[in-house]
Amino acid sequence: MNTGQLIVLWYAGLMISGIMFFNAFKSEDFWYLMSGIAVLAGVLIYTLKEHPKANKVLVFLWVVGPFILLAFYYLRQNPIT
């Protein structure tokens, strides 16, 4: 896999696990929570495998970057006092 494919895989995994977590908290079902954790763990394990065409630093920045920007935006709008 190359860098772009790993980034798409991460976003798909985050979306699927987010839906699972939402269903877990909505229906209070243990299996949704476990499924969401399993999806995240599977994506993480697959990403950490050897991929000679992938740049892991770019994958990390593309996956974590939007969440960091959202956190900064939220903290700028709602400062901690």
PDB file of N, CA and C in Angstrom:
ATOM      1  N   MET A   1       0.853  -1.187   0.000  1.00  0.00           N
ATOM      2  CA  MET A   1       0.000   0.000   0.000  1.00  0.00           C
ATOM      3  C   MET A   1       0.890   1.237   0.000  1.00  0.00           C
ATOM      4  N   ASN A   2       0.358   2.278  -0.606  1.00  0.00           N
ATOM      5  CA  ASN A   2       1.092   3.536  -0.570  1.00  0.00           C
ATOM      6  C   ASN A   2       0.485   4.456   0.493  1.00  0.00           C
ATOM      7  N   THR A   3       1.025   5.655   0.581  1.00  0.00           N
ATOM      8  CA  THR A   3       0.618   6.588   1.634  1.00  0.00           C
ATOM      9  C   THR A   3      -0.860   6.967   1.517  1.00  0.00           C
ATOM     10  N   GLY A   4      -1.311   7.287   0.326  1.00  0.00           N
ATOM     11  CA  GLY A   4      -2.706   7.686   0.134  1.00  0.00           C
ATOM     12  C   GLY A   4      -3.685   6.593   0.512  1.00  0.00           C
ATOM     13  N   GLN A   5      -3.370   5.366   0.173  1.00  0.00           N
ATOM     14  CA  GLN A   5      -4.256   4.258   0.508  1.00  0.00           C
ATOM     15  C   GLN A   5      -4.329   4.038   2.016  1.00  0.00           C
ATOM     16  N   LEU A   6      -3.200   4.197   2.705  1.00  0.00           N
ATOM     17  CA  LEU A   6      -3.231   4.055   4.164  1.00  0.00           C
ATOM     18  C   LEU A   6      -4.039   5.169   4.824  1.00  0.00           C
ATOM     19  N   ILE A   7      -3.951   6.381   4.273  1.00  0.00           N
ATOM     20  CA  ILE A   7      -4.728   7.497   4.831  1.00  0.00           C
ATOM     21  C   ILE A   7      -6.222   7.234   4.656  1.00  0.00           C
ATOM     22  N   VAL A   8      -6.620   6.780   3.477  1.00  0.00           N
ATOM     23  CA  VAL A   8      -8.030   6.461   3.230  1.00  0.00           C
ATOM     24  C   VAL A   8      -8.483   5.331   4.142  1.00  0.00           C
ATOM     25  N   LEU A   9      -7.624   4.337   4.343  1.00  0.00           N
ATOM     26  CA  LEU A   9      -7.953   3.234   5.250  1.00  0.00           C
ATOM     27  C   LEU A   9      -8.183   3.747   6.668  1.00  0.00           C
ATOM     28  N   TRP A  10      -7.350   4.684   7.115  1.00  0.00           N
ATOM     29  CA  TRP A  10      -7.517   5.243   8.456  1.00  0.00           C
ATOM     30  C   TRP A  10      -8.824   6.013   8.585  1.00  0.00           C
ATOM     31  N   TYR A  11      -9.130   6.850   7.590  1.00  0.00           N
ATOM     32  CA  TYR A  11     -10.377   7.614   7.677  1.00  0.00           C
ATOM     33  C   TYR A  11     -11.594   6.696   7.661  1.00  0.00           C
ATOM     34  N   ALA A  12     -11.544   5.641   6.853  1.00  0.00           N
ATOM     35  CA  ALA A  12     -12.652   4.681   6.840  1.00  0.00           C
ATOM     36  C   ALA A  12     -12.754   3.969   8.186  1.00  0.00           C
ATOM     37  N   GLY A  13     -11.626   3.569   8.752  1.00  0.00           N
ATOM     38  CA  GLY A  13     -11.636   2.916  10.060  1.00  0.00           C
ATOM     39  C   GLY A  13     -12.149   3.831  11.156  1.00  0.00           C
ATOM     40  N   LEU A  14     -11.754   5.105  11.111  1.00  0.00           N
ATOM     41  CA  LEU A  14     -12.251   6.055  12.110  1.00  0.00           C
ATOM     42  C   LEU A  14     -13.747   6.276  11.974  1.00  0.00           C
ATOM     43  N   MET A  15     -14.237   6.333  10.736  1.00  0.00           N
ATOM     44  CA  MET A  15     -15.667   6.536  10.533  1.00  0.00           C
ATOM     45  C   MET A  15     -16.462   5.315  11.009  1.00  0.00           C
ATOM     46  N   ILE A  16     -16.009   4.120  10.664  1.00  0.00           N
ATOM     47  CA  ILE A  16     -16.713   2.909  11.091  1.00  0.00           C
ATOM     48  C   ILE A  16     -16.685   2.769  12.609  1.00  0.00           C
ATOM     49  N   SER A  17     -15.525   3.002  13.216  1.00  0.00           N
ATOM     50  CA  SER A  17     -15.458   2.879  14.678  1.00  0.00           C
ATOM     51  C   SER A  17     -16.258   3.987  15.360  1.00  0.00           C
ATOM     52  N   GLY A  18     -16.323   5.171  14.759  1.00  0.00           N
ATOM     53  CA  GLY A  18     -17.153   6.236  15.319  1.00  0.00           C
ATOM     54  C   GLY A  18     -18.623   5.866  15.321  1.00  0.00           C
ATOM     55  N   ILE A  19     -19.074   5.256  14.240  1.00  0.00           N
ATOM     56  CA  ILE A  19     -20.465   4.785  14.184  1.00  0.00           C
ATOM     57  C   ILE A  19     -20.705   3.708  15.230  1.00  0.00           C
ATOM     58  N   MET A  20     -19.730   2.802  15.378  1.00  0.00           N
ATOM     59  CA  MET A  20     -19.862   1.748  16.390  1.00  0.00           C
ATOM     60  C   MET A  20     -19.917   2.344  17.802  1.00  0.00           C
ATOM     61  N   PHE A  21     -19.049   3.310  18.085  1.00  0.00           N
ATOM     62  CA  PHE A  21     -19.046   3.931  19.411  1.00  0.00           C
ATOM     63  C   PHE A  21     -20.349   4.680  19.665  1.00  0.00           C
ATOM     64  N   PHE A  22     -20.854   5.377  18.641  1.00  0.00           N
ATOM     65  CA  PHE A  22     -22.128   6.088  18.785  1.00  0.00           C
ATOM     66  C   PHE A  22     -23.249   5.102  19.112  1.00  0.00           C
ATOM     67  N   ASN A  23     -23.288   3.994  18.386  1.00  0.00           N
ATOM     68  CA  ASN A  23     -24.309   2.979  18.667  1.00  0.00           C
ATOM     69  C   ASN A  23     -24.122   2.353  20.039  1.00  0.00           C
ATOM     70  N   ALA A  24     -22.880   2.216  20.475  1.00  0.00           N
ATOM     71  CA  ALA A  24     -22.617   1.636  21.798  1.00  0.00           C
ATOM     72  C   ALA A  24     -23.175   2.531  22.898  1.00  0.00           C
ATOM     73  N   PHE A  25     -22.986   3.836  22.761  1.00  0.00           N
ATOM     74  CA  PHE A  25     -23.476   4.733  23.801  1.00  0.00           C
ATOM     75  C   PHE A  25     -24.974   4.954  23.706  1.00  0.00           C
ATOM     76  N   LYS A  26     -25.519   4.829  22.500  1.00  0.00           N
ATOM     77  CA  LYS A  26     -26.954   5.012  22.322  1.00  0.00           C
ATOM     78  C   LYS A  26     -27.737   3.804  22.838  1.00  0.00           C
ATOM     79  N   SER A  27     -27.265   2.612  22.514  1.00  0.00           N
ATOM     80  CA  SER A  27     -28.014   1.416  22.897  1.00  0.00           C
ATOM     81  C   SER A  27     -27.430   0.707  24.116  1.00  0.00           C
ATOM     82  N   GLU A  28     -26.315   1.214  24.620  1.00  0.00           N
ATOM     83  CA  GLU A  28     -25.634   0.620  25.778  1.00  0.00           C
ATOM     84  C   GLU A  28     -25.353  -0.865  25.547  1.00  0.00           C
ATOM     85  N   ASP A  29     -24.914  -1.180  24.334  1.00  0.00           N
ATOM     86  CA  ASP A  29     -24.597  -2.555  23.982  1.00  0.00           C
ATOM     87  C   ASP A  29     -23.076  -2.728  23.975  1.00  0.00           C
ATOM     88  N   PHE A  30     -22.609  -3.736  24.658  1.00  0.00           N
ATOM     89  CA  PHE A  30     -21.190  -4.014  24.825  1.00  0.00           C
ATOM     90  C   PHE A  30     -20.529  -4.390  23.497  1.00  0.00           C
ATOM     91  N   TRP A  31     -21.251  -5.055  22.607  1.00  0.00           N
ATOM     92  CA  TRP A  31     -20.656  -5.567  21.371  1.00  0.00           C
ATOM     93  C   TRP A  31     -20.328  -4.456  20.381  1.00  0.00           C
ATOM     94  N   TYR A  32     -21.089  -3.392  20.375  1.00  0.00           N
ATOM     95  CA  TYR A  32     -20.746  -2.266  19.510  1.00  0.00           C
ATOM     96  C   TYR A  32     -19.427  -1.646  19.954  1.00  0.00           C
ATOM     97  N   LEU A  33     -19.252  -1.496  21.254  1.00  0.00           N
ATOM     98  CA  LEU A  33     -18.019  -0.930  21.783  1.00  0.00           C
ATOM     99  C   LEU A  33     -16.826  -1.815  21.437  1.00  0.00           C
ATOM    100  N   MET A  34     -16.963  -3.107  21.628  1.00  0.00           N
ATOM    101  CA  MET A  34     -15.872  -4.030  21.316  1.00  0.00           C
ATOM    102  C   MET A  34     -15.569  -4.042  19.817  1.00  0.00           C
ATOM    103  N   SER A  35     -16.588  -3.938  18.992  1.00  0.00           N
ATOM    104  CA  SER A  35     -16.372  -3.910  17.547  1.00  0.00           C
ATOM    105  C   SER A  35     -15.621  -2.646  17.127  1.00  0.00           C
ATOM    106  N   GLY A  36     -15.970  -1.518  17.705  1.00  0.00           N
ATOM    107  CA  GLY A  36     -15.272  -0.275  17.401  1.00  0.00           C
ATOM    108  C   GLY A  36     -13.814  -0.321  17.805  1.00  0.00           C
ATOM    109  N   ILE A  37     -13.539  -0.886  18.975  1.00  0.00           N
ATOM    110  CA  ILE A  37     -12.161  -1.021  19.430  1.00  0.00           C
ATOM    111  C   ILE A  37     -11.396  -1.990  18.529  1.00  0.00           C
ATOM    112  N   ALA A  38     -12.051  -3.072  18.104  1.00  0.00           N
ATOM    113  CA  ALA A  38     -11.400  -4.051  17.223  1.00  0.00           C
ATOM    114  C   ALA A  38     -11.063  -3.438  15.866  1.00  0.00           C
ATOM    115  N   VAL A  39     -11.941  -2.596  15.331  1.00  0.00           N
ATOM    116  CA  VAL A  39     -11.672  -1.943  14.044  1.00  0.00           C
ATOM    117  C   VAL A  39     -10.465  -1.017  14.176  1.00  0.00           C
ATOM    118  N   LEU A  40     -10.423  -0.221  15.235  1.00  0.00           N
ATOM    119  CA  LEU A  40      -9.277   0.675  15.437  1.00  0.00           C
ATOM    120  C   LEU A  40      -7.986  -0.104  15.635  1.00  0.00           C
ATOM    121  N   ALA A  41      -8.040  -1.175  16.401  1.00  0.00           N
ATOM    122  CA  ALA A  41      -6.853  -1.990  16.616  1.00  0.00           C
ATOM    123  C   ALA A  41      -6.384  -2.641  15.319  1.00  0.00           C
ATOM    124  N   GLY A  42      -7.327  -3.120  14.513  1.00  0.00           N
ATOM    125  CA  GLY A  42      -6.973  -3.735  13.242  1.00  0.00           C
ATOM    126  C   GLY A  42      -6.311  -2.757  12.287  1.00  0.00           C
ATOM    127  N   VAL A  43      -6.853  -1.544  12.207  1.00  0.00           N
ATOM    128  CA  VAL A  43      -6.263  -0.523  11.337  1.00  0.00           C
ATOM    129  C   VAL A  43      -4.871  -0.146  11.838  1.00  0.00           C
ATOM    130  N   LEU A  44      -4.716  -0.015  13.141  1.00  0.00           N
ATOM    131  CA  LEU A  44      -3.414   0.324  13.711  1.00  0.00           C
ATOM    132  C   LEU A  44      -2.390  -0.770  13.439  1.00  0.00           C
ATOM    133  N   ILE A  45      -2.760  -2.009  13.654  1.00  0.00           N
ATOM    134  CA  ILE A  45      -1.833  -3.119  13.421  1.00  0.00           C
ATOM    135  C   ILE A  45      -1.474  -3.208  11.941  1.00  0.00           C
ATOM    136  N   TYR A  46      -2.451  -3.045  11.067  1.00  0.00           N
ATOM    137  CA  TYR A  46      -2.166  -3.111   9.636  1.00  0.00           C
ATOM    138  C   TYR A  46      -1.258  -1.962   9.208  1.00  0.00           C
ATOM    139  N   THR A  47      -1.453  -0.767   9.770  1.00  0.00           N
ATOM    140  CA  THR A  47      -0.634   0.382   9.408  1.00  0.00           C
ATOM    141  C   THR A  47       0.804   0.207   9.885  1.00  0.00           C
ATOM    142  N   LEU A  48       0.997  -0.423  11.027  1.00  0.00           N
ATOM    143  CA  LEU A  48       2.344  -0.578  11.569  1.00  0.00           C
ATOM    144  C   LEU A  48       3.152  -1.660  10.865  1.00  0.00           C
ATOM    145  N   LYS A  49       2.496  -2.463  10.017  1.00  0.00           N
ATOM    146  CA  LYS A  49       3.230  -3.454   9.235  1.00  0.00           C
ATOM    147  C   LYS A  49       4.125  -2.751   8.222  1.00  0.00           C
ATOM    148  N   GLU A  50       5.042  -3.498   7.652  1.00  0.00           N
ATOM    149  CA  GLU A  50       5.971  -2.937   6.676  1.00  0.00           C
ATOM    150  C   GLU A  50       5.254  -2.634   5.362  1.00  0.00           C
ATOM    151  N   HIS A  51       5.324  -1.381   4.952  1.00  0.00           N
ATOM    152  CA  HIS A  51       4.786  -0.932   3.667  1.00  0.00           C
ATOM    153  C   HIS A  51       5.875  -0.073   3.017  1.00  0.00           C
ATOM    154  N   PRO A  52       6.654  -0.643   2.092  1.00  0.00           N
ATOM    155  CA  PRO A  52       7.791   0.098   1.545  1.00  0.00           C
ATOM    156  C   PRO A  52       7.409   1.352   0.763  1.00  0.00           C
ATOM    157  N   LYS A  53       6.215   1.410   0.197  1.00  0.00           N
ATOM    158  CA  LYS A  53       5.815   2.578  -0.598  1.00  0.00           C
ATOM    159  C   LYS A  53       5.171   3.672   0.244  1.00  0.00           C
ATOM    160  N   ALA A  54       4.942   3.414   1.515  1.00  0.00           N
ATOM    161  CA  ALA A  54       4.205   4.372   2.352  1.00  0.00           C
ATOM    162  C   ALA A  54       5.155   5.184   3.221  1.00  0.00           C
ATOM    163  N   ASN A  55       4.823   6.440   3.365  1.00  0.00           N
ATOM    164  CA  ASN A  55       5.538   7.323   4.276  1.00  0.00           C
ATOM    165  C   ASN A  55       4.689   7.437   5.543  1.00  0.00           C
ATOM    166  N   LYS A  56       5.110   6.774   6.599  1.00  0.00           N
ATOM    167  CA  LYS A  56       4.302   6.693   7.825  1.00  0.00           C
ATOM    168  C   LYS A  56       4.146   8.045   8.508  1.00  0.00           C
ATOM    169  N   VAL A  57       5.115   8.933   8.352  1.00  0.00           N
ATOM    170  CA  VAL A  57       4.998  10.264   8.960  1.00  0.00           C
ATOM    171  C   VAL A  57       3.851  11.036   8.321  1.00  0.00           C
ATOM    172  N   LEU A  58       3.728  10.959   6.995  1.00  0.00           N
ATOM    173  CA  LEU A  58       2.613  11.634   6.322  1.00  0.00           C
ATOM    174  C   LEU A  58       1.273  11.035   6.710  1.00  0.00           C
ATOM    175  N   VAL A  59       1.224   9.730   6.863  1.00  0.00           N
ATOM    176  CA  VAL A  59      -0.015   9.087   7.303  1.00  0.00           C
ATOM    177  C   VAL A  59      -0.399   9.618   8.679  1.00  0.00           C
ATOM    178  N   PHE A  60       0.563   9.686   9.595  1.00  0.00           N
ATOM    179  CA  PHE A  60       0.296  10.191  10.941  1.00  0.00           C
ATOM    180  C   PHE A  60      -0.204  11.635  10.903  1.00  0.00           C
ATOM    181  N   LEU A  61       0.461  12.476  10.109  1.00  0.00           N
ATOM    182  CA  LEU A  61       0.055  13.882  10.048  1.00  0.00           C
ATOM    183  C   LEU A  61      -1.339  14.054   9.456  1.00  0.00           C
ATOM    184  N   TRP A  62      -1.665  13.286   8.418  1.00  0.00           N
ATOM    185  CA  TRP A  62      -2.980  13.404   7.797  1.00  0.00           C
ATOM    186  C   TRP A  62      -4.084  12.852   8.681  1.00  0.00           C
ATOM    187  N   VAL A  63      -3.776  11.869   9.502  1.00  0.00           N
ATOM    188  CA  VAL A  63      -4.808  11.289  10.358  1.00  0.00           C
ATOM    189  C   VAL A  63      -5.001  12.118  11.622  1.00  0.00           C
ATOM    190  N   VAL A  64      -3.925  12.552  12.243  1.00  0.00           N
ATOM    191  CA  VAL A  64      -4.011  13.264  13.514  1.00  0.00           C
ATOM    192  C   VAL A  64      -4.200  14.769  13.315  1.00  0.00           C
ATOM    193  N   GLY A  65      -3.702  15.307  12.210  1.00  0.00           N
ATOM    194  CA  GLY A  65      -3.744  16.743  11.972  1.00  0.00           C
ATOM    195  C   GLY A  65      -5.114  17.381  12.079  1.00  0.00           C
ATOM    196  N   PRO A  66      -6.139  16.843  11.420  1.00  0.00           N
ATOM    197  CA  PRO A  66      -7.463  17.479  11.531  1.00  0.00           C
ATOM    198  C   PRO A  66      -8.005  17.522  12.955  1.00  0.00           C
ATOM    199  N   PHE A  67      -7.729  16.512  13.747  1.00  0.00           N
ATOM    200  CA  PHE A  67      -8.202  16.507  15.130  1.00  0.00           C
ATOM    201  C   PHE A  67      -7.474  17.552  15.968  1.00  0.00           C
ATOM    202  N   ILE A  68      -6.200  17.747  15.713  1.00  0.00           N
ATOM    203  CA  ILE A  68      -5.450  18.785  16.411  1.00  0.00           C
ATOM    204  C   ILE A  68      -5.978  20.167  16.030  1.00  0.00           C
ATOM    205  N   LEU A  69      -6.239  20.375  14.746  1.00  0.00           N
ATOM    206  CA  LEU A  69      -6.793  21.661  14.310  1.00  0.00           C
ATOM    207  C   LEU A  69      -8.172  21.919  14.904  1.00  0.00           C
ATOM    208  N   LEU A  70      -9.004  20.895  14.967  1.00  0.00           N
ATOM    209  CA  LEU A  70     -10.317  21.056  15.599  1.00  0.00           C
ATOM    210  C   LEU A  70     -10.189  21.383  17.080  1.00  0.00           C
ATOM    211  N   ALA A  71      -9.237  20.761  17.752  1.00  0.00           N
ATOM    212  CA  ALA A  71      -9.019  21.047  19.179  1.00  0.00           C
ATOM    213  C   ALA A  71      -8.562  22.491  19.379  1.00  0.00           C
ATOM    214  N   PHE A  72      -7.637  22.961  18.537  1.00  0.00           N
ATOM    215  CA  PHE A  72      -7.193  24.349  18.638  1.00  0.00           C
ATOM    216  C   PHE A  72      -8.329  25.323  18.352  1.00  0.00           C
ATOM    217  N   TYR A  73      -9.143  25.013  17.350  1.00  0.00           N
ATOM    218  CA  TYR A  73     -10.285  25.870  17.030  1.00  0.00           C
ATOM    219  C   TYR A  73     -11.265  25.912  18.197  1.00  0.00           C
ATOM    220  N   TYR A  74     -11.560  24.753  18.778  1.00  0.00           N
ATOM    221  CA  TYR A  74     -12.486  24.700  19.904  1.00  0.00           C
ATOM    222  C   TYR A  74     -11.929  25.485  21.094  1.00  0.00           C
ATOM    223  N   LEU A  75     -10.644  25.303  21.382  1.00  0.00           N
ATOM    224  CA  LEU A  75     -10.048  26.015  22.517  1.00  0.00           C
ATOM    225  C   LEU A  75      -9.974  27.516  22.262  1.00  0.00           C
ATOM    226  N   ARG A  76      -9.845  27.910  21.006  1.00  0.00           N
ATOM    227  CA  ARG A  76      -9.830  29.340  20.710  1.00  0.00           C
ATOM    228  C   ARG A  76     -11.227  29.938  20.910  1.00  0.00           C
ATOM    229  N   GLN A  77     -12.259  29.199  20.546  1.00  0.00           N
ATOM    230  CA  GLN A  77     -13.628  29.678  20.718  1.00  0.00           C
ATOM    231  C   GLN A  77     -14.087  29.612  22.175  1.00  0.00           C
ATOM    232  N   ASN A  78     -13.590  28.622  22.925  1.00  0.00           N
ATOM    233  CA  ASN A  78     -13.970  28.415  24.316  1.00  0.00           C
ATOM    234  C   ASN A  78     -12.715  28.307  25.183  1.00  0.00           C
ATOM    235  N   PRO A  79     -12.112  29.425  25.509  1.00  0.00           N
ATOM    236  CA  PRO A  79     -10.851  29.352  26.271  1.00  0.00           C
ATOM    237  C   PRO A  79     -11.076  28.803  27.674  1.00  0.00           C
ATOM    238  N   ILE A  80     -10.076  28.098  28.158  1.00  0.00           N
ATOM    239  CA  ILE A  80     -10.134  27.541  29.510  1.00  0.00           C
ATOM    240  C   ILE A  80      -9.796  28.660  30.482  1.00  0.00           C
ATOM    241  N   THR A  81     -10.696  28.905  31.428  1.00  0.00           N
ATOM    242  CA  THR A  81     -10.448  29.991  32.402  1.00  0.00           C
ATOM    243  C   THR A  81     -10.363  29.446  33.789  1.00  0.00           C
TER     244      THR A  81
END
